[in-house]
Amino acid sequence: MGGGDAGQAAGEVRQARQAREVARPSPSASGQAAQGGRRPTRRQAVGRWGEDQALECLQTQGLRLVQRNFRAPGRGGGEIDLVMQAGDGTLVFVEVRVRRASDYGGAGASIDARKRARIVLAAQHFLARWPGPAPACRFDVVLIDGQGQPPVWVQGAFDGGQGGHGAW
């Protein structure tokens, strides 16, 4: 194979690669996550499903979605699954927990002091960006234990103070 043949072969490989790239569906069209073009993990998919269930439950109770998956900046800043607003204007920061079974304490058992602190920190970051004076706030939890079980909505599950922890 001469030098020209190698150049031609390399060009054909490049064209074939470009054709494959054009033929690939976009990440959103193929159901892949937009970040990095990867499919969500099973854990992420279950979490998203749980958030969808919680959102539907809360909306049927009259709450309005303000934001979903708010992340506080920085490492360890925390995330709030759902930020909702009640009819009276109260902002409701919602943590959603899903477990396949109620073994080992169920969905609520994994909301420890460290997790609560991260949620409170994320809420503080969220409120720092809120236009105008901060409204009344509360921290709720929606628990989903096992498939086919209805979500359990715990209002005022914990507070934003350092000492108290509401139902937890």
N, C-alpha and C. Protein backbone atom coordinates (compact mmCIF):
# COMPACT_ATOMS: atom_id res chain seq x y z
N MET A 1 0.85 -1.17 0.00
CA MET A 1 0.00 0.00 0.00
C MET A 1 0.89 1.22 0.00
N GLY A 2 0.72 2.11 -0.96
CA GLY A 2 1.53 3.30 -1.08
C GLY A 2 1.05 4.39 -0.14
N GLY A 3 1.81 5.52 -0.10
CA GLY A 3 1.48 6.64 0.77
C GLY A 3 0.13 7.23 0.46
N GLY A 4 -0.24 7.28 -0.86
CA GLY A 4 -1.53 7.82 -1.24
C GLY A 4 -2.67 6.95 -0.76
N ASP A 5 -2.45 5.63 -0.80
CA ASP A 5 -3.49 4.70 -0.34
C ASP A 5 -3.76 4.89 1.15
N ALA A 6 -2.70 5.10 1.93
CA ALA A 6 -2.86 5.28 3.38
C ALA A 6 -3.62 6.57 3.67
N GLY A 7 -3.31 7.63 2.93
CA GLY A 7 -4.01 8.90 3.10
C GLY A 7 -5.48 8.77 2.74
N GLN A 8 -5.75 8.02 1.65
CA GLN A 8 -7.13 7.82 1.23
C GLN A 8 -7.89 7.01 2.27
N ALA A 9 -7.25 5.97 2.80
CA ALA A 9 -7.89 5.13 3.82
C ALA A 9 -8.19 5.94 5.08
N ALA A 10 -7.24 6.79 5.48
CA ALA A 10 -7.46 7.63 6.66
C ALA A 10 -8.63 8.58 6.43
N GLY A 11 -8.72 9.13 5.22
CA GLY A 11 -9.84 10.02 4.88
C GLY A 11 -11.17 9.29 4.94
N GLU A 12 -11.19 8.04 4.46
CA GLU A 12 -12.42 7.26 4.50
C GLU A 12 -12.83 6.95 5.94
N VAL A 13 -11.85 6.67 6.78
CA VAL A 13 -12.14 6.41 8.20
C VAL A 13 -12.74 7.66 8.84
N ARG A 14 -12.13 8.83 8.54
CA ARG A 14 -12.65 10.09 9.07
C ARG A 14 -14.08 10.33 8.62
N GLN A 15 -14.36 10.10 7.34
CA GLN A 15 -15.71 10.31 6.81
C GLN A 15 -16.71 9.36 7.48
N ALA A 16 -16.31 8.11 7.67
CA ALA A 16 -17.19 7.14 8.32
C ALA A 16 -17.49 7.57 9.76
N ARG A 17 -16.46 8.05 10.47
CA ARG A 17 -16.63 8.51 11.85
C ARG A 17 -17.58 9.71 11.90
N GLN A 18 -17.39 10.66 10.97
CA GLN A 18 -18.27 11.83 10.92
C GLN A 18 -19.70 11.43 10.61
N ALA A 19 -19.88 10.46 9.73
CA ALA A 19 -21.23 10.00 9.39
C ALA A 19 -21.90 9.37 10.61
N ARG A 20 -21.14 8.62 11.40
CA ARG A 20 -21.71 8.03 12.62
C ARG A 20 -22.11 9.11 13.60
N GLU A 21 -21.28 10.14 13.74
CA GLU A 21 -21.60 11.23 14.66
C GLU A 21 -22.88 11.93 14.24
N VAL A 22 -23.06 12.18 12.95
CA VAL A 22 -24.26 12.85 12.45
C VAL A 22 -25.47 11.96 12.65
N ALA A 23 -25.29 10.64 12.48
CA ALA A 23 -26.42 9.72 12.57
C ALA A 23 -26.86 9.47 14.01
N ARG A 24 -26.02 9.77 14.99
CA ARG A 24 -26.38 9.53 16.39
C ARG A 24 -27.48 10.50 16.81
N PRO A 25 -28.48 9.99 17.52
CA PRO A 25 -29.51 10.91 18.02
C PRO A 25 -28.94 11.78 19.12
N SER A 26 -29.57 12.92 19.32
CA SER A 26 -29.11 13.81 20.38
C SER A 26 -29.38 13.15 21.72
N PRO A 27 -28.64 13.54 22.77
CA PRO A 27 -28.86 12.94 24.08
C PRO A 27 -30.30 13.04 24.55
N SER A 28 -30.96 14.18 24.32
CA SER A 28 -32.33 14.32 24.78
C SER A 28 -33.28 13.44 23.98
N ALA A 29 -32.99 13.24 22.72
CA ALA A 29 -33.86 12.40 21.89
C ALA A 29 -33.73 10.94 22.25
N SER A 30 -32.59 10.52 22.73
CA SER A 30 -32.38 9.11 23.04
C SER A 30 -32.66 8.78 24.50
N GLY A 31 -33.12 9.78 25.28
CA GLY A 31 -33.41 9.53 26.68
C GLY A 31 -32.19 9.61 27.57
N GLN A 32 -31.08 10.06 27.04
CA GLN A 32 -29.87 10.17 27.84
C GLN A 32 -29.87 11.50 28.56
N ALA A 33 -29.16 11.55 29.65
CA ALA A 33 -29.02 12.78 30.40
C ALA A 33 -28.24 13.78 29.58
N ALA A 34 -28.59 15.04 29.70
CA ALA A 34 -27.91 16.08 28.94
C ALA A 34 -26.46 16.23 29.38
N GLN A 35 -26.18 16.01 30.66
CA GLN A 35 -24.82 16.18 31.15
C GLN A 35 -23.96 15.03 30.69
N GLY A 36 -23.02 15.31 29.84
CA GLY A 36 -22.06 14.31 29.40
C GLY A 36 -22.63 13.27 28.46
N GLY A 37 -23.91 13.36 28.12
CA GLY A 37 -24.50 12.42 27.19
C GLY A 37 -24.66 11.01 27.76
N ARG A 38 -24.61 10.86 29.08
CA ARG A 38 -24.75 9.54 29.69
C ARG A 38 -26.19 9.30 30.11
N ARG A 39 -26.56 8.03 30.08
CA ARG A 39 -27.88 7.66 30.59
C ARG A 39 -27.86 7.80 32.12
N PRO A 40 -29.00 8.16 32.70
CA PRO A 40 -29.02 8.23 34.16
C PRO A 40 -28.84 6.84 34.76
N THR A 41 -28.22 6.80 35.92
CA THR A 41 -28.06 5.52 36.61
C THR A 41 -29.42 5.06 37.11
N ARG A 42 -29.50 3.81 37.51
CA ARG A 42 -30.75 3.28 38.06
C ARG A 42 -31.17 4.10 39.28
N ARG A 43 -30.21 4.43 40.11
CA ARG A 43 -30.50 5.22 41.31
C ARG A 43 -31.07 6.59 40.93
N GLN A 44 -30.48 7.24 39.92
CA GLN A 44 -30.98 8.54 39.47
C GLN A 44 -32.39 8.41 38.90
N ALA A 45 -32.62 7.35 38.14
CA ALA A 45 -33.95 7.14 37.55
C ALA A 45 -34.99 6.91 38.64
N VAL A 46 -34.65 6.14 39.66
CA VAL A 46 -35.58 5.90 40.77
C VAL A 46 -35.83 7.21 41.52
N GLY A 47 -34.78 7.99 41.73
CA GLY A 47 -34.92 9.29 42.39
C GLY A 47 -35.82 10.23 41.61
N ARG A 48 -35.64 10.26 40.30
CA ARG A 48 -36.48 11.11 39.45
C ARG A 48 -37.94 10.65 39.52
N TRP A 49 -38.15 9.33 39.49
CA TRP A 49 -39.49 8.78 39.59
C TRP A 49 -40.13 9.20 40.92
N GLY A 50 -39.37 9.09 42.00
CA GLY A 50 -39.88 9.48 43.31
C GLY A 50 -40.23 10.96 43.37
N GLU A 51 -39.38 11.79 42.78
CA GLU A 51 -39.66 13.23 42.74
C GLU A 51 -40.93 13.50 41.94
N ASP A 52 -41.12 12.78 40.85
CA ASP A 52 -42.35 12.94 40.06
C ASP A 52 -43.57 12.58 40.89
N GLN A 53 -43.48 11.47 41.64
CA GLN A 53 -44.59 11.04 42.50
C GLN A 53 -44.88 12.09 43.58
N ALA A 54 -43.82 12.59 44.20
CA ALA A 54 -43.97 13.59 45.25
C ALA A 54 -44.56 14.88 44.69
N LEU A 55 -44.07 15.30 43.54
CA LEU A 55 -44.58 16.52 42.92
C LEU A 55 -46.07 16.41 42.65
N GLU A 56 -46.48 15.30 42.09
CA GLU A 56 -47.90 15.09 41.80
C GLU A 56 -48.72 15.13 43.10
N CYS A 57 -48.23 14.47 44.13
CA CYS A 57 -48.90 14.45 45.43
C CYS A 57 -49.06 15.87 45.98
N LEU A 58 -47.99 16.64 45.95
CA LEU A 58 -48.02 17.99 46.52
C LEU A 58 -48.88 18.94 45.69
N GLN A 59 -48.84 18.79 44.38
CA GLN A 59 -49.66 19.65 43.53
C GLN A 59 -51.15 19.37 43.75
N THR A 60 -51.51 18.12 43.98
CA THR A 60 -52.92 17.82 44.25
C THR A 60 -53.36 18.40 45.59
N GLN A 61 -52.40 18.72 46.46
CA GLN A 61 -52.71 19.36 47.74
C GLN A 61 -52.65 20.88 47.65
N GLY A 62 -52.45 21.41 46.44
CA GLY A 62 -52.50 22.85 46.23
C GLY A 62 -51.16 23.57 46.24
N LEU A 63 -50.06 22.85 46.36
CA LEU A 63 -48.76 23.51 46.31
C LEU A 63 -48.33 23.72 44.87
N ARG A 64 -47.55 24.78 44.65
CA ARG A 64 -47.08 25.12 43.31
C ARG A 64 -45.57 24.95 43.26
N LEU A 65 -45.09 24.34 42.16
CA LEU A 65 -43.65 24.14 41.99
C LEU A 65 -42.96 25.47 41.71
N VAL A 66 -41.92 25.75 42.47
CA VAL A 66 -41.08 26.93 42.26
C VAL A 66 -39.81 26.52 41.53
N GLN A 67 -39.16 25.46 42.02
CA GLN A 67 -37.93 24.96 41.38
C GLN A 67 -37.71 23.51 41.77
N ARG A 68 -37.08 22.81 40.85
CA ARG A 68 -36.77 21.40 41.07
C ARG A 68 -35.25 21.23 41.08
N ASN A 69 -34.75 20.42 41.99
CA ASN A 69 -33.32 20.09 42.09
C ASN A 69 -32.43 21.32 42.19
N PHE A 70 -32.72 22.18 43.15
CA PHE A 70 -31.87 23.34 43.40
C PHE A 70 -30.60 22.87 44.10
N ARG A 71 -29.46 23.24 43.54
CA ARG A 71 -28.16 22.87 44.12
C ARG A 71 -27.47 24.12 44.64
N ALA A 72 -27.03 24.03 45.88
CA ALA A 72 -26.24 25.12 46.46
C ALA A 72 -24.85 25.06 45.85
N PRO A 73 -24.22 26.21 45.67
CA PRO A 73 -22.88 26.21 45.09
C PRO A 73 -21.85 25.61 46.04
N GLY A 74 -20.78 25.11 45.47
CA GLY A 74 -19.67 24.59 46.25
C GLY A 74 -19.83 23.13 46.60
N ARG A 75 -18.74 22.57 47.06
CA ARG A 75 -18.75 21.15 47.46
C ARG A 75 -19.54 20.98 48.75
N GLY A 76 -20.36 19.98 48.76
CA GLY A 76 -21.12 19.68 49.97
C GLY A 76 -22.20 20.69 50.28
N GLY A 77 -22.56 21.49 49.28
CA GLY A 77 -23.54 22.54 49.49
C GLY A 77 -24.96 22.05 49.64
N GLY A 78 -25.24 20.86 49.19
CA GLY A 78 -26.57 20.30 49.35
C GLY A 78 -27.48 20.58 48.16
N GLU A 79 -28.55 19.83 48.14
CA GLU A 79 -29.54 19.95 47.08
C GLU A 79 -30.93 19.87 47.69
N ILE A 80 -31.85 20.60 47.10
CA ILE A 80 -33.25 20.52 47.50
C ILE A 80 -33.99 19.90 46.34
N ASP A 81 -34.67 18.78 46.60
CA ASP A 81 -35.36 18.07 45.53
C ASP A 81 -36.46 18.92 44.91
N LEU A 82 -37.32 19.48 45.74
CA LEU A 82 -38.43 20.30 45.26
C LEU A 82 -38.56 21.54 46.14
N VAL A 83 -38.69 22.69 45.50
CA VAL A 83 -39.06 23.91 46.22
C VAL A 83 -40.47 24.22 45.77
N MET A 84 -41.39 24.23 46.72
CA MET A 84 -42.80 24.44 46.43
C MET A 84 -43.26 25.70 47.15
N GLN A 85 -44.44 26.21 46.75
CA GLN A 85 -45.02 27.33 47.47
C GLN A 85 -46.47 27.01 47.78
N ALA A 86 -46.81 27.16 49.05
CA ALA A 86 -48.17 26.90 49.50
C ALA A 86 -49.05 28.10 49.15
N GLY A 87 -50.34 27.91 49.23
CA GLY A 87 -51.29 28.97 48.90
C GLY A 87 -51.13 30.22 49.74
N ASP A 88 -50.64 30.08 50.97
CA ASP A 88 -50.45 31.24 51.85
C ASP A 88 -49.11 31.93 51.61
N GLY A 89 -48.34 31.46 50.62
CA GLY A 89 -47.05 32.06 50.30
C GLY A 89 -45.85 31.39 50.95
N THR A 90 -46.09 30.47 51.86
CA THR A 90 -44.99 29.77 52.52
C THR A 90 -44.16 28.98 51.51
N LEU A 91 -42.84 29.15 51.58
CA LEU A 91 -41.95 28.34 50.75
C LEU A 91 -41.73 27.01 51.46
N VAL A 92 -41.85 25.94 50.71
CA VAL A 92 -41.73 24.61 51.27
C VAL A 92 -40.55 23.91 50.58
N PHE A 93 -39.52 23.61 51.36
CA PHE A 93 -38.35 22.90 50.85
C PHE A 93 -38.60 21.42 51.10
N VAL A 94 -38.62 20.63 50.03
CA VAL A 94 -39.05 19.24 50.13
C VAL A 94 -37.90 18.28 49.82
N GLU A 95 -37.67 17.36 50.74
CA GLU A 95 -36.74 16.26 50.52
C GLU A 95 -37.57 15.03 50.19
N VAL A 96 -37.23 14.35 49.11
CA VAL A 96 -37.95 13.16 48.68
C VAL A 96 -37.05 11.95 48.93
N ARG A 97 -37.59 10.94 49.59
CA ARG A 97 -36.82 9.72 49.87
C ARG A 97 -37.61 8.52 49.38
N VAL A 98 -36.93 7.67 48.62
CA VAL A 98 -37.55 6.47 48.06
C VAL A 98 -36.76 5.25 48.52
N ARG A 99 -37.47 4.24 48.98
CA ARG A 99 -36.86 2.95 49.31
C ARG A 99 -37.75 1.86 48.74
N ARG A 100 -37.14 0.81 48.21
CA ARG A 100 -37.92 -0.30 47.65
C ARG A 100 -38.71 -1.04 48.72
N ALA A 101 -38.20 -1.06 49.91
CA ALA A 101 -38.88 -1.75 51.01
C ALA A 101 -38.70 -0.92 52.27
N SER A 102 -39.51 -1.20 53.26
CA SER A 102 -39.42 -0.42 54.50
C SER A 102 -38.43 -1.03 55.49
N ASP A 103 -37.62 -1.98 55.03
CA ASP A 103 -36.58 -2.56 55.88
C ASP A 103 -35.61 -1.47 56.34
N TYR A 104 -34.93 -1.73 57.43
CA TYR A 104 -33.89 -0.84 57.94
C TYR A 104 -34.40 0.57 58.23
N GLY A 105 -35.65 0.68 58.64
CA GLY A 105 -36.19 1.98 59.01
C GLY A 105 -36.90 2.70 57.88
N GLY A 106 -36.89 2.16 56.70
CA GLY A 106 -37.61 2.77 55.58
C GLY A 106 -36.94 4.02 55.04
N ALA A 107 -37.69 4.72 54.21
CA ALA A 107 -37.15 5.87 53.49
C ALA A 107 -36.69 6.98 54.43
N GLY A 108 -37.41 7.20 55.50
CA GLY A 108 -37.09 8.29 56.41
C GLY A 108 -35.83 8.09 57.23
N ALA A 109 -35.39 6.86 57.37
CA ALA A 109 -34.24 6.57 58.23
C ALA A 109 -32.94 7.18 57.71
N SER A 110 -32.90 7.49 56.43
CA SER A 110 -31.65 8.01 55.86
C SER A 110 -31.53 9.52 55.95
N ILE A 111 -32.50 10.18 56.56
CA ILE A 111 -32.42 11.64 56.69
C ILE A 111 -31.82 11.94 58.07
N ASP A 112 -30.51 11.93 58.11
CA ASP A 112 -29.81 12.15 59.37
C ASP A 112 -29.49 13.64 59.56
N ALA A 113 -28.84 13.97 60.66
CA ALA A 113 -28.52 15.36 60.98
C ALA A 113 -27.66 16.01 59.90
N ARG A 114 -26.73 15.26 59.35
CA ARG A 114 -25.86 15.82 58.30
C ARG A 114 -26.68 16.16 57.05
N LYS A 115 -27.58 15.27 56.66
CA LYS A 115 -28.42 15.52 55.49
C LYS A 115 -29.32 16.73 55.73
N ARG A 116 -29.91 16.81 56.92
CA ARG A 116 -30.76 17.97 57.24
C ARG A 116 -29.96 19.26 57.16
N ALA A 117 -28.74 19.25 57.69
CA ALA A 117 -27.90 20.46 57.67
C ALA A 117 -27.60 20.88 56.23
N ARG A 118 -27.37 19.92 55.34
CA ARG A 118 -27.09 20.26 53.94
C ARG A 118 -28.32 20.84 53.26
N ILE A 119 -29.49 20.32 53.60
CA ILE A 119 -30.73 20.86 53.03
C ILE A 119 -30.96 22.29 53.53
N VAL A 120 -30.73 22.52 54.82
CA VAL A 120 -30.88 23.86 55.38
C VAL A 120 -29.90 24.82 54.72
N LEU A 121 -28.67 24.41 54.52
CA LEU A 121 -27.67 25.25 53.85
C LEU A 121 -28.13 25.59 52.43
N ALA A 122 -28.63 24.61 51.71
CA ALA A 122 -29.12 24.86 50.35
C ALA A 122 -30.30 25.83 50.38
N ALA A 123 -31.17 25.69 51.37
CA ALA A 123 -32.32 26.61 51.50
C ALA A 123 -31.84 28.04 51.75
N GLN A 124 -30.80 28.19 52.56
CA GLN A 124 -30.24 29.53 52.81
C GLN A 124 -29.71 30.15 51.52
N HIS A 125 -29.05 29.35 50.69
CA HIS A 125 -28.57 29.85 49.40
C HIS A 125 -29.75 30.21 48.50
N PHE A 126 -30.77 29.39 48.51
CA PHE A 126 -31.96 29.67 47.70
C PHE A 126 -32.59 31.00 48.14
N LEU A 127 -32.75 31.19 49.44
CA LEU A 127 -33.39 32.40 49.96
C LEU A 127 -32.55 33.64 49.70
N ALA A 128 -31.23 33.49 49.64
CA ALA A 128 -30.36 34.64 49.36
C ALA A 128 -30.64 35.21 47.97
N ARG A 129 -31.18 34.39 47.09
CA ARG A 129 -31.49 34.83 45.73
C ARG A 129 -32.97 35.20 45.57
N TRP A 130 -33.75 35.03 46.61
CA TRP A 130 -35.19 35.30 46.54
C TRP A 130 -35.41 36.80 46.43
N PRO A 131 -36.24 37.23 45.47
CA PRO A 131 -36.50 38.67 45.33
C PRO A 131 -37.37 39.18 46.49
N GLY A 132 -36.93 40.24 47.12
CA GLY A 132 -37.70 40.80 48.22
C GLY A 132 -37.46 40.08 49.52
N PRO A 133 -38.27 40.41 50.52
CA PRO A 133 -38.09 39.77 51.83
C PRO A 133 -38.40 38.28 51.77
N ALA A 134 -37.68 37.52 52.57
CA ALA A 134 -37.88 36.06 52.58
C ALA A 134 -39.25 35.73 53.17
N PRO A 135 -39.97 34.85 52.51
CA PRO A 135 -41.28 34.44 53.05
C PRO A 135 -41.10 33.42 54.19
N ALA A 136 -42.21 33.08 54.82
CA ALA A 136 -42.18 32.00 55.81
C ALA A 136 -41.74 30.73 55.08
N CYS A 137 -41.02 29.87 55.79
CA CYS A 137 -40.49 28.64 55.18
C CYS A 137 -40.74 27.45 56.08
N ARG A 138 -40.75 26.28 55.46
CA ARG A 138 -40.78 25.04 56.24
C ARG A 138 -40.09 23.94 55.45
N PHE A 139 -39.70 22.90 56.18
CA PHE A 139 -39.01 21.76 55.59
C PHE A 139 -39.90 20.54 55.70
N ASP A 140 -40.32 20.04 54.55
CA ASP A 140 -41.18 18.86 54.49
C ASP A 140 -40.40 17.69 53.90
N VAL A 141 -40.92 16.51 54.11
CA VAL A 141 -40.34 15.30 53.55
C VAL A 141 -41.47 14.51 52.91
N VAL A 142 -41.19 13.93 51.75
CA VAL A 142 -42.12 12.99 51.13
C VAL A 142 -41.41 11.64 51.10
N LEU A 143 -42.03 10.65 51.73
CA LEU A 143 -41.45 9.31 51.84
C LEU A 143 -42.21 8.34 50.96
N ILE A 144 -41.47 7.53 50.22
CA ILE A 144 -42.07 6.50 49.39
C ILE A 144 -41.38 5.19 49.75
N ASP A 145 -42.11 4.32 50.43
CA ASP A 145 -41.58 3.02 50.86
C ASP A 145 -42.26 1.92 50.08
N GLY A 146 -41.55 1.25 49.21
CA GLY A 146 -42.11 0.12 48.47
C GLY A 146 -42.92 0.56 47.27
N GLN A 147 -42.98 -0.31 46.30
CA GLN A 147 -43.73 -0.01 45.09
C GLN A 147 -45.22 -0.16 45.36
N GLY A 148 -46.00 0.70 44.77
CA GLY A 148 -47.43 0.64 44.92
C GLY A 148 -47.95 1.33 46.17
N GLN A 149 -47.05 1.77 47.04
CA GLN A 149 -47.46 2.48 48.25
C GLN A 149 -47.61 3.97 47.94
N PRO A 150 -48.63 4.61 48.47
CA PRO A 150 -48.77 6.05 48.22
C PRO A 150 -47.69 6.83 48.96
N PRO A 151 -47.31 7.98 48.42
CA PRO A 151 -46.32 8.82 49.11
C PRO A 151 -46.88 9.28 50.47
N VAL A 152 -45.99 9.40 51.43
CA VAL A 152 -46.36 9.92 52.75
C VAL A 152 -45.73 11.30 52.88
N TRP A 153 -46.57 12.31 53.04
CA TRP A 153 -46.12 13.70 53.13
C TRP A 153 -46.03 14.10 54.60
N VAL A 154 -44.83 14.42 55.04
CA VAL A 154 -44.61 14.85 56.43
C VAL A 154 -44.34 16.35 56.41
N GLN A 155 -45.33 17.13 56.83
CA GLN A 155 -45.18 18.58 56.86
C GLN A 155 -44.39 18.99 58.11
N GLY A 156 -43.50 19.96 57.94
CA GLY A 156 -42.70 20.42 59.07
C GLY A 156 -41.85 19.31 59.66
N ALA A 157 -41.28 18.49 58.80
CA ALA A 157 -40.51 17.33 59.24
C ALA A 157 -39.31 17.71 60.10
N PHE A 158 -38.69 18.83 59.79
CA PHE A 158 -37.60 19.34 60.62
C PHE A 158 -37.55 20.84 60.43
N ASP A 159 -36.84 21.53 61.32
CA ASP A 159 -36.75 22.98 61.19
C ASP A 159 -35.34 23.38 60.79
N GLY A 160 -35.20 24.65 60.48
CA GLY A 160 -33.92 25.16 60.00
C GLY A 160 -32.97 25.57 61.11
N GLY A 161 -33.40 25.46 62.36
CA GLY A 161 -32.55 25.84 63.48
C GLY A 161 -31.51 24.78 63.79
N GLN A 162 -30.58 25.13 64.60
CA GLN A 162 -29.51 24.20 64.96
C GLN A 162 -29.96 23.14 65.95
N GLY A 163 -30.91 23.49 66.83
CA GLY A 163 -31.26 22.55 67.88
C GLY A 163 -32.37 21.59 67.51
N GLY A 164 -33.50 22.10 67.10
CA GLY A 164 -34.67 21.26 66.87
C GLY A 164 -34.60 20.50 65.57
N HIS A 165 -35.43 19.48 65.50
CA HIS A 165 -35.47 18.72 64.26
C HIS A 165 -36.88 18.22 63.95
N GLY A 166 -37.91 18.88 64.46
CA GLY A 166 -39.28 18.51 64.12
C GLY A 166 -39.54 17.04 64.33
N ALA A 167 -40.08 16.39 63.32
CA ALA A 167 -40.43 14.97 63.41
C ALA A 167 -39.20 14.07 63.40
N TRP A 168 -38.06 14.62 63.07
CA TRP A 168 -36.85 13.79 63.01
C TRP A 168 -36.05 14.05 64.25
